[in-house]
């Protein structure tokens, strides 16, 4: 059996720009954090959780407390929702993404999964906004692991349930 694993931003949805803007703006609104490096690839862990942890360590010398993290995540998701309502065209599907998912799900020798560095709530919001159905597809989100570094040959994100492979 073959396995196709899809990311969300830039792979299934054309949401990189709106995600970046809302992330930076939510950091400012929730915690008055400014002047961050937005070259996400330079962070040791390129997930929402890993980037937030690194930013808090750089700005405050510590990890975010649970309430601080929840405040930021809530602000971030609310900004995404507001952006969707004011500009739905920022939440489009990458052309052919739904077709590819649907086709691979039907193939007997293929399994499909989602692995993203996005937090679950923001990821599902962007997929719904882009009208991409991932019902029944095993998925891993930023809450499921700090890192998604595949260079070592081992992903630190795990999938709930069996992929059937």
N, C-alpha and C. Protein backbone atom coordinates (compact mmCIF):
# COMPACT_ATOMS: atom_id res chain seq x y z
N UNK A 1 0.84 -1.18 0.00
CA UNK A 1 0.00 0.00 0.00
C UNK A 1 0.89 1.24 0.00
N UNK A 2 0.42 2.25 -0.69
CA UNK A 2 1.13 3.54 -0.76
C UNK A 2 0.40 4.55 0.12
N UNK A 3 1.16 5.50 0.64
CA UNK A 3 0.60 6.52 1.52
C UNK A 3 0.91 7.90 0.97
N UNK A 4 -0.12 8.72 0.84
CA UNK A 4 0.04 10.13 0.44
C UNK A 4 -0.30 10.98 1.66
N UNK A 5 0.66 11.79 2.10
CA UNK A 5 0.45 12.67 3.24
C UNK A 5 0.44 14.11 2.75
N UNK A 6 -0.61 14.83 3.09
CA UNK A 6 -0.79 16.20 2.63
C UNK A 6 -0.67 17.19 3.78
N UNK A 7 0.00 18.31 3.51
CA UNK A 7 0.01 19.46 4.40
C UNK A 7 -1.23 20.29 4.05
N UNK A 8 -1.46 21.36 4.75
CA UNK A 8 -2.63 22.20 4.47
C UNK A 8 -2.22 23.49 3.77
N UNK A 9 -1.59 24.42 4.49
CA UNK A 9 -1.23 25.71 3.91
C UNK A 9 -0.26 25.52 2.74
N UNK A 10 -0.69 25.95 1.57
CA UNK A 10 0.17 25.87 0.39
C UNK A 10 0.11 24.54 -0.34
N UNK A 11 -0.53 23.55 0.24
CA UNK A 11 -0.65 22.24 -0.40
C UNK A 11 -2.11 21.95 -0.73
N UNK A 12 -2.98 22.02 0.26
CA UNK A 12 -4.41 21.84 0.02
C UNK A 12 -5.13 23.18 -0.09
N UNK A 13 -4.68 24.17 0.69
CA UNK A 13 -5.33 25.48 0.67
C UNK A 13 -4.31 26.57 0.35
N UNK A 14 -4.79 27.59 -0.30
CA UNK A 14 -3.95 28.73 -0.65
C UNK A 14 -4.08 29.77 0.47
N UNK A 15 -3.59 29.41 1.66
CA UNK A 15 -3.81 30.22 2.85
C UNK A 15 -2.52 30.67 3.54
N UNK A 16 -1.39 30.51 2.91
CA UNK A 16 -0.13 30.91 3.55
C UNK A 16 -0.16 32.37 3.98
N UNK A 17 -0.56 33.25 3.10
CA UNK A 17 -0.52 34.68 3.37
C UNK A 17 -1.46 35.07 4.50
N UNK A 18 -2.71 34.61 4.44
CA UNK A 18 -3.67 34.97 5.48
C UNK A 18 -3.27 34.36 6.81
N UNK A 19 -2.72 33.16 6.81
CA UNK A 19 -2.27 32.52 8.03
C UNK A 19 -1.13 33.32 8.66
N UNK A 20 -0.15 33.71 7.86
CA UNK A 20 0.99 34.49 8.36
C UNK A 20 0.53 35.80 8.98
N UNK A 21 -0.32 36.52 8.26
CA UNK A 21 -0.79 37.82 8.74
C UNK A 21 -1.56 37.72 10.04
N UNK A 22 -2.47 36.75 10.11
CA UNK A 22 -3.26 36.58 11.33
C UNK A 22 -2.40 36.13 12.50
N UNK A 23 -1.42 35.28 12.24
CA UNK A 23 -0.52 34.79 13.29
C UNK A 23 0.25 35.96 13.92
N UNK A 24 0.84 36.78 13.08
CA UNK A 24 1.62 37.93 13.55
C UNK A 24 0.72 38.93 14.27
N UNK A 25 -0.43 39.23 13.70
CA UNK A 25 -1.36 40.18 14.31
C UNK A 25 -1.91 39.67 15.64
N UNK A 26 -2.16 38.37 15.74
CA UNK A 26 -2.67 37.80 16.99
C UNK A 26 -1.60 37.85 18.08
N UNK A 27 -0.34 37.64 17.72
CA UNK A 27 0.73 37.77 18.71
C UNK A 27 0.75 39.18 19.29
N UNK A 28 0.57 40.17 18.44
CA UNK A 28 0.55 41.55 18.91
C UNK A 28 -0.68 41.82 19.76
N UNK A 29 -1.86 41.44 19.26
CA UNK A 29 -3.09 41.74 19.98
C UNK A 29 -3.17 41.01 21.32
N UNK A 30 -2.78 39.76 21.34
CA UNK A 30 -2.92 38.96 22.56
C UNK A 30 -1.81 39.24 23.58
N UNK A 31 -0.58 39.53 23.08
CA UNK A 31 0.55 39.62 24.01
C UNK A 31 1.51 40.77 23.74
N UNK A 32 1.12 41.71 22.87
CA UNK A 32 1.95 42.88 22.53
C UNK A 32 3.34 42.48 22.02
N UNK A 33 3.39 41.35 21.32
CA UNK A 33 4.66 40.87 20.76
C UNK A 33 4.82 41.43 19.36
N UNK A 34 5.97 42.08 19.13
CA UNK A 34 6.29 42.64 17.82
C UNK A 34 7.70 42.23 17.43
N UNK A 35 8.07 42.54 16.19
CA UNK A 35 9.43 42.34 15.73
C UNK A 35 9.87 40.90 15.66
N UNK A 36 8.97 40.02 15.27
CA UNK A 36 9.35 38.60 15.19
C UNK A 36 9.87 38.26 13.79
N UNK A 37 10.64 37.23 13.72
CA UNK A 37 11.13 36.70 12.45
C UNK A 37 10.00 35.90 11.81
N UNK A 38 9.57 36.31 10.62
CA UNK A 38 8.49 35.59 9.93
C UNK A 38 9.01 34.62 8.88
N UNK A 39 10.29 34.35 8.90
CA UNK A 39 10.83 33.29 8.05
C UNK A 39 10.71 32.00 8.86
N UNK A 40 9.52 31.41 8.80
CA UNK A 40 9.17 30.27 9.65
C UNK A 40 10.15 29.11 9.51
N UNK A 41 10.76 28.96 8.36
CA UNK A 41 11.69 27.85 8.13
C UNK A 41 12.94 27.95 9.00
N UNK A 42 13.21 29.11 9.56
CA UNK A 42 14.40 29.27 10.41
C UNK A 42 14.16 28.82 11.85
N UNK A 43 12.91 28.54 12.19
CA UNK A 43 12.60 28.10 13.55
C UNK A 43 12.94 26.62 13.70
N UNK A 44 13.40 26.22 14.89
CA UNK A 44 13.77 24.81 15.10
C UNK A 44 12.60 23.84 14.86
N UNK A 45 11.38 24.27 15.17
CA UNK A 45 10.18 23.46 14.99
C UNK A 45 9.15 24.29 14.23
N UNK A 46 8.89 23.94 12.98
CA UNK A 46 8.02 24.75 12.14
C UNK A 46 6.56 24.32 12.26
N UNK A 47 6.06 24.34 13.48
CA UNK A 47 4.65 24.14 13.76
C UNK A 47 4.16 25.36 14.52
N UNK A 48 2.86 25.56 14.55
CA UNK A 48 2.33 26.69 15.33
C UNK A 48 2.80 26.60 16.78
N UNK A 49 2.79 25.40 17.34
CA UNK A 49 3.23 25.20 18.73
C UNK A 49 4.71 25.52 18.89
N UNK A 50 5.53 25.02 17.99
CA UNK A 50 6.97 25.22 18.07
C UNK A 50 7.38 26.67 17.87
N UNK A 51 6.74 27.32 16.92
CA UNK A 51 7.05 28.73 16.65
C UNK A 51 6.63 29.60 17.83
N UNK A 52 5.45 29.34 18.37
CA UNK A 52 4.98 30.10 19.53
C UNK A 52 5.90 29.91 20.72
N UNK A 53 6.31 28.68 20.97
CA UNK A 53 7.24 28.40 22.06
C UNK A 53 8.54 29.18 21.89
N UNK A 54 9.09 29.17 20.68
CA UNK A 54 10.35 29.86 20.42
C UNK A 54 10.20 31.38 20.60
N UNK A 55 9.11 31.92 20.10
CA UNK A 55 8.88 33.36 20.24
C UNK A 55 8.75 33.75 21.71
N UNK A 56 8.02 32.97 22.50
CA UNK A 56 7.88 33.28 23.92
C UNK A 56 9.23 33.18 24.62
N UNK A 57 10.02 32.18 24.25
CA UNK A 57 11.35 32.07 24.87
C UNK A 57 12.22 33.27 24.53
N UNK A 58 12.16 33.73 23.28
CA UNK A 58 12.96 34.88 22.88
C UNK A 58 12.48 36.17 23.53
N UNK A 59 11.17 36.37 23.61
CA UNK A 59 10.62 37.63 24.12
C UNK A 59 10.51 37.68 25.63
N UNK A 60 10.20 36.52 26.27
CA UNK A 60 9.94 36.52 27.71
C UNK A 60 10.87 35.59 28.50
N UNK A 61 11.71 34.85 27.80
CA UNK A 61 12.63 33.95 28.48
C UNK A 61 11.99 32.71 29.07
N UNK A 62 10.80 32.35 28.55
CA UNK A 62 10.08 31.20 29.10
C UNK A 62 9.04 30.70 28.10
N UNK A 63 8.50 29.53 28.37
CA UNK A 63 7.41 28.99 27.56
C UNK A 63 6.11 29.71 27.92
N UNK A 64 5.15 29.74 27.00
CA UNK A 64 3.87 30.37 27.35
C UNK A 64 3.12 29.53 28.37
N UNK A 65 2.45 30.20 29.27
CA UNK A 65 1.56 29.52 30.21
C UNK A 65 0.32 29.09 29.45
N UNK A 66 -0.40 28.12 29.98
CA UNK A 66 -1.57 27.58 29.29
C UNK A 66 -2.59 28.66 28.93
N UNK A 67 -2.85 29.56 29.86
CA UNK A 67 -3.82 30.62 29.59
C UNK A 67 -3.32 31.57 28.50
N UNK A 68 -2.03 31.85 28.50
CA UNK A 68 -1.45 32.71 27.46
C UNK A 68 -1.56 32.05 26.09
N UNK A 69 -1.28 30.76 26.04
CA UNK A 69 -1.37 30.03 24.78
C UNK A 69 -2.81 29.99 24.28
N UNK A 70 -3.74 29.74 25.18
CA UNK A 70 -5.16 29.71 24.78
C UNK A 70 -5.64 31.08 24.31
N UNK A 71 -5.20 32.13 24.99
CA UNK A 71 -5.56 33.49 24.57
C UNK A 71 -5.05 33.76 23.16
N UNK A 72 -3.80 33.40 22.89
CA UNK A 72 -3.23 33.61 21.57
C UNK A 72 -3.95 32.78 20.51
N UNK A 73 -4.16 31.50 20.77
CA UNK A 73 -4.83 30.63 19.79
C UNK A 73 -6.24 31.13 19.49
N UNK A 74 -6.95 31.54 20.53
CA UNK A 74 -8.31 32.06 20.34
C UNK A 74 -8.30 33.33 19.49
N UNK A 75 -7.38 34.22 19.79
CA UNK A 75 -7.24 35.46 19.03
C UNK A 75 -6.91 35.14 17.57
N UNK A 76 -5.99 34.23 17.36
CA UNK A 76 -5.57 33.82 16.02
C UNK A 76 -6.74 33.25 15.22
N UNK A 77 -7.47 32.33 15.80
CA UNK A 77 -8.61 31.73 15.10
C UNK A 77 -9.69 32.77 14.84
N UNK A 78 -9.95 33.64 15.80
CA UNK A 78 -10.94 34.70 15.58
C UNK A 78 -10.53 35.63 14.44
N UNK A 79 -9.24 35.92 14.35
CA UNK A 79 -8.76 36.75 13.24
C UNK A 79 -8.93 36.03 11.90
N UNK A 80 -8.67 34.73 11.88
CA UNK A 80 -8.90 33.97 10.65
C UNK A 80 -10.37 34.02 10.25
N UNK A 81 -11.25 33.86 11.22
CA UNK A 81 -12.70 33.91 10.95
C UNK A 81 -13.09 35.28 10.40
N UNK A 82 -12.61 36.34 11.05
CA UNK A 82 -12.91 37.69 10.58
C UNK A 82 -12.39 37.91 9.16
N UNK A 83 -11.19 37.43 8.91
CA UNK A 83 -10.60 37.57 7.58
C UNK A 83 -11.43 36.81 6.54
N UNK A 84 -11.90 35.63 6.91
CA UNK A 84 -12.73 34.85 5.99
C UNK A 84 -14.02 35.61 5.66
N UNK A 85 -14.63 36.18 6.67
CA UNK A 85 -15.88 36.92 6.44
C UNK A 85 -15.67 38.18 5.61
N UNK A 86 -14.50 38.80 5.73
CA UNK A 86 -14.26 40.01 4.95
C UNK A 86 -13.61 39.73 3.60
N UNK A 87 -12.97 38.57 3.45
CA UNK A 87 -12.27 38.27 2.20
C UNK A 87 -12.15 36.75 2.01
N UNK A 88 -13.25 36.12 1.66
CA UNK A 88 -13.27 34.66 1.49
C UNK A 88 -12.29 34.17 0.43
N UNK A 89 -11.91 35.04 -0.48
CA UNK A 89 -10.98 34.63 -1.54
C UNK A 89 -9.57 34.33 -1.00
N UNK A 90 -9.32 34.68 0.27
CA UNK A 90 -8.04 34.35 0.90
C UNK A 90 -7.99 32.90 1.38
N UNK A 91 -9.09 32.18 1.21
CA UNK A 91 -9.21 30.81 1.72
C UNK A 91 -9.61 29.85 0.60
N UNK A 92 -8.87 29.89 -0.48
CA UNK A 92 -9.21 29.04 -1.61
C UNK A 92 -8.46 27.72 -1.59
N UNK A 93 -9.00 26.79 -2.29
CA UNK A 93 -8.36 25.49 -2.48
C UNK A 93 -7.23 25.63 -3.49
N UNK A 94 -6.14 24.92 -3.26
CA UNK A 94 -5.13 24.79 -4.30
C UNK A 94 -5.81 24.00 -5.42
N UNK A 95 -5.76 24.50 -6.65
CA UNK A 95 -6.48 23.81 -7.73
C UNK A 95 -6.17 22.31 -7.80
N UNK A 96 -7.24 21.52 -7.75
CA UNK A 96 -7.12 20.07 -7.86
C UNK A 96 -6.96 19.33 -6.54
N UNK A 97 -6.85 20.07 -5.42
CA UNK A 97 -6.62 19.42 -4.13
C UNK A 97 -7.75 18.47 -3.74
N UNK A 98 -8.99 18.93 -3.84
CA UNK A 98 -10.13 18.08 -3.48
C UNK A 98 -10.23 16.86 -4.37
N UNK A 99 -10.00 17.07 -5.65
CA UNK A 99 -10.06 15.97 -6.61
C UNK A 99 -8.99 14.93 -6.27
N UNK A 100 -7.79 15.40 -5.96
CA UNK A 100 -6.70 14.47 -5.62
C UNK A 100 -7.04 13.67 -4.37
N UNK A 101 -7.54 14.34 -3.33
CA UNK A 101 -7.90 13.65 -2.09
C UNK A 101 -8.99 12.61 -2.35
N UNK A 102 -10.03 13.02 -3.06
CA UNK A 102 -11.15 12.13 -3.34
C UNK A 102 -10.70 10.92 -4.15
N UNK A 103 -9.91 11.17 -5.15
CA UNK A 103 -9.44 10.07 -6.00
C UNK A 103 -8.56 9.09 -5.23
N UNK A 104 -7.62 9.62 -4.46
CA UNK A 104 -6.73 8.74 -3.71
C UNK A 104 -7.49 7.95 -2.64
N UNK A 105 -8.50 8.55 -2.03
CA UNK A 105 -9.31 7.84 -1.02
C UNK A 105 -10.03 6.64 -1.65
N UNK A 106 -10.37 6.73 -2.92
CA UNK A 106 -11.09 5.65 -3.61
C UNK A 106 -10.18 4.52 -4.09
N UNK A 107 -8.90 4.82 -4.24
CA UNK A 107 -7.96 3.82 -4.75
C UNK A 107 -7.69 2.77 -3.68
N UNK A 108 -7.78 1.52 -4.03
CA UNK A 108 -7.61 0.44 -3.06
C UNK A 108 -6.18 0.32 -2.56
N UNK A 109 -5.22 0.75 -3.34
CA UNK A 109 -3.82 0.59 -2.95
C UNK A 109 -3.20 1.89 -2.41
N UNK A 110 -4.05 2.86 -2.06
CA UNK A 110 -3.57 4.12 -1.51
C UNK A 110 -4.25 4.42 -0.18
N UNK A 111 -3.50 4.96 0.74
CA UNK A 111 -4.03 5.53 1.98
C UNK A 111 -3.68 7.02 1.95
N UNK A 112 -4.51 7.82 2.58
CA UNK A 112 -4.32 9.27 2.58
C UNK A 112 -4.32 9.75 4.03
N UNK A 113 -3.47 10.74 4.33
CA UNK A 113 -3.42 11.33 5.66
C UNK A 113 -3.09 12.81 5.53
N UNK A 114 -3.38 13.54 6.60
CA UNK A 114 -3.05 14.96 6.69
C UNK A 114 -2.04 15.11 7.83
N UNK A 115 -0.95 15.81 7.58
CA UNK A 115 0.03 16.14 8.62
C UNK A 115 0.38 17.61 8.44
N UNK A 116 0.02 18.41 9.42
CA UNK A 116 0.21 19.85 9.30
C UNK A 116 0.77 20.42 10.59
N UNK A 117 1.48 21.50 10.45
CA UNK A 117 1.99 22.22 11.61
C UNK A 117 0.98 23.20 12.17
N UNK A 118 -0.21 23.26 11.58
CA UNK A 118 -1.28 24.15 12.06
C UNK A 118 -1.96 23.55 13.29
N UNK A 119 -2.47 24.42 14.14
CA UNK A 119 -3.32 23.93 15.22
C UNK A 119 -4.61 23.40 14.62
N UNK A 120 -5.18 22.40 15.25
CA UNK A 120 -6.37 21.70 14.76
C UNK A 120 -7.49 22.67 14.37
N UNK A 121 -7.83 23.58 15.27
CA UNK A 121 -8.96 24.48 15.03
C UNK A 121 -8.73 25.37 13.81
N UNK A 122 -7.54 25.92 13.67
CA UNK A 122 -7.27 26.78 12.51
C UNK A 122 -7.19 25.96 11.23
N UNK A 123 -6.63 24.77 11.32
CA UNK A 123 -6.53 23.90 10.14
C UNK A 123 -7.91 23.52 9.63
N UNK A 124 -8.77 23.09 10.53
CA UNK A 124 -10.12 22.69 10.11
C UNK A 124 -10.91 23.87 9.57
N UNK A 125 -10.73 25.04 10.17
CA UNK A 125 -11.39 26.25 9.67
C UNK A 125 -10.97 26.53 8.23
N UNK A 126 -9.66 26.47 7.95
CA UNK A 126 -9.18 26.77 6.59
C UNK A 126 -9.67 25.72 5.59
N UNK A 127 -9.70 24.47 6.00
CA UNK A 127 -10.21 23.42 5.10
C UNK A 127 -11.69 23.60 4.82
N UNK A 128 -12.48 23.89 5.85
CA UNK A 128 -13.92 24.13 5.64
C UNK A 128 -14.14 25.34 4.74
N UNK A 129 -13.38 26.41 4.99
CA UNK A 129 -13.53 27.62 4.19
C UNK A 129 -13.20 27.36 2.72
N UNK A 130 -12.23 26.48 2.47
CA UNK A 130 -11.84 26.14 1.10
C UNK A 130 -12.71 25.02 0.52
N UNK A 131 -13.68 24.56 1.33
CA UNK A 131 -14.62 23.50 0.92
C UNK A 131 -13.90 22.19 0.59
N UNK A 132 -12.93 21.85 1.43
CA UNK A 132 -12.20 20.59 1.29
C UNK A 132 -12.63 19.67 2.42
N UNK A 133 -13.18 18.53 2.05
CA UNK A 133 -13.69 17.55 3.01
C UNK A 133 -12.59 16.54 3.34
N UNK A 134 -12.23 16.47 4.63
CA UNK A 134 -11.23 15.48 5.03
C UNK A 134 -11.85 14.44 5.96
N UNK A 135 -13.18 14.33 5.92
CA UNK A 135 -13.87 13.36 6.75
C UNK A 135 -13.31 11.96 6.50
N UNK A 136 -12.95 11.28 7.57
CA UNK A 136 -12.43 9.92 7.46
C UNK A 136 -10.95 9.83 7.15
N UNK A 137 -10.27 10.98 7.01
CA UNK A 137 -8.85 10.97 6.71
C UNK A 137 -8.08 11.16 8.03
N UNK A 138 -7.19 10.24 8.38
CA UNK A 138 -6.39 10.42 9.59
C UNK A 138 -5.59 11.71 9.48
N UNK A 139 -5.52 12.44 10.59
CA UNK A 139 -4.87 13.75 10.57
C UNK A 139 -4.05 13.97 11.82
N UNK A 140 -2.96 14.70 11.66
CA UNK A 140 -2.12 15.11 12.78
C UNK A 140 -1.91 16.62 12.69
N UNK A 141 -2.01 17.28 13.85
CA UNK A 141 -1.95 18.73 13.92
C UNK A 141 -0.86 19.16 14.89
N UNK A 142 -0.65 20.47 15.02
CA UNK A 142 0.41 21.00 15.87
C UNK A 142 0.29 20.53 17.31
N UNK A 143 -0.92 20.31 17.79
CA UNK A 143 -1.11 19.82 19.17
C UNK A 143 -0.57 18.40 19.35
N UNK A 144 -0.42 17.68 18.24
CA UNK A 144 -0.01 16.28 18.32
C UNK A 144 1.50 16.09 18.42
N UNK A 145 2.27 17.14 18.23
CA UNK A 145 3.72 17.03 18.33
C UNK A 145 4.37 18.37 18.06
N UNK A 146 5.45 18.63 18.75
CA UNK A 146 6.14 19.91 18.62
C UNK A 146 6.79 20.07 17.25
N UNK A 147 7.32 18.98 16.71
CA UNK A 147 8.11 19.06 15.48
C UNK A 147 7.47 18.26 14.36
N UNK A 148 7.74 18.68 13.15
CA UNK A 148 7.35 17.90 11.99
C UNK A 148 8.56 17.73 11.07
N UNK A 149 9.74 17.73 11.67
CA UNK A 149 10.99 17.61 10.93
C UNK A 149 11.13 16.20 10.39
N UNK A 150 11.09 16.08 9.07
CA UNK A 150 11.19 14.76 8.44
C UNK A 150 12.61 14.47 7.97
N UNK A 151 13.53 15.41 8.16
CA UNK A 151 14.90 15.20 7.67
C UNK A 151 15.56 14.00 8.32
N UNK A 152 15.20 13.69 9.55
CA UNK A 152 15.80 12.57 10.24
C UNK A 152 15.22 11.24 9.77
N UNK A 153 14.17 11.31 8.95
CA UNK A 153 13.51 10.10 8.50
C UNK A 153 12.42 9.66 9.46
N UNK A 154 12.24 10.40 10.55
CA UNK A 154 11.23 10.05 11.54
C UNK A 154 10.37 11.27 11.81
N UNK A 155 9.10 11.17 11.55
CA UNK A 155 8.21 12.26 11.88
C UNK A 155 7.85 12.18 13.35
N UNK A 156 7.79 13.32 14.01
CA UNK A 156 7.40 13.32 15.41
C UNK A 156 5.90 13.54 15.56
N UNK A 157 5.20 13.74 14.47
CA UNK A 157 3.75 13.80 14.54
C UNK A 157 3.23 12.38 14.39
N UNK A 158 2.24 12.03 15.17
CA UNK A 158 1.66 10.69 15.07
C UNK A 158 0.21 10.82 14.65
N UNK A 159 -0.29 9.75 14.07
CA UNK A 159 -1.67 9.76 13.60
C UNK A 159 -2.56 8.99 14.54
N UNK A 160 -3.64 9.63 14.98
CA UNK A 160 -4.60 8.89 15.80
C UNK A 160 -5.25 7.80 14.95
N UNK A 161 -5.34 6.63 15.46
CA UNK A 161 -6.00 5.54 14.73
C UNK A 161 -5.09 4.89 13.72
N UNK A 162 -5.61 3.89 13.07
CA UNK A 162 -4.85 3.08 12.13
C UNK A 162 -5.02 3.63 10.71
N UNK A 163 -3.93 3.74 9.99
CA UNK A 163 -4.00 4.18 8.60
C UNK A 163 -4.47 3.07 7.68
N UNK A 164 -4.48 1.85 8.17
CA UNK A 164 -4.90 0.74 7.33
C UNK A 164 -3.83 0.30 6.36
N UNK A 165 -2.58 0.59 6.65
CA UNK A 165 -1.49 0.22 5.74
C UNK A 165 -0.89 -1.11 6.15
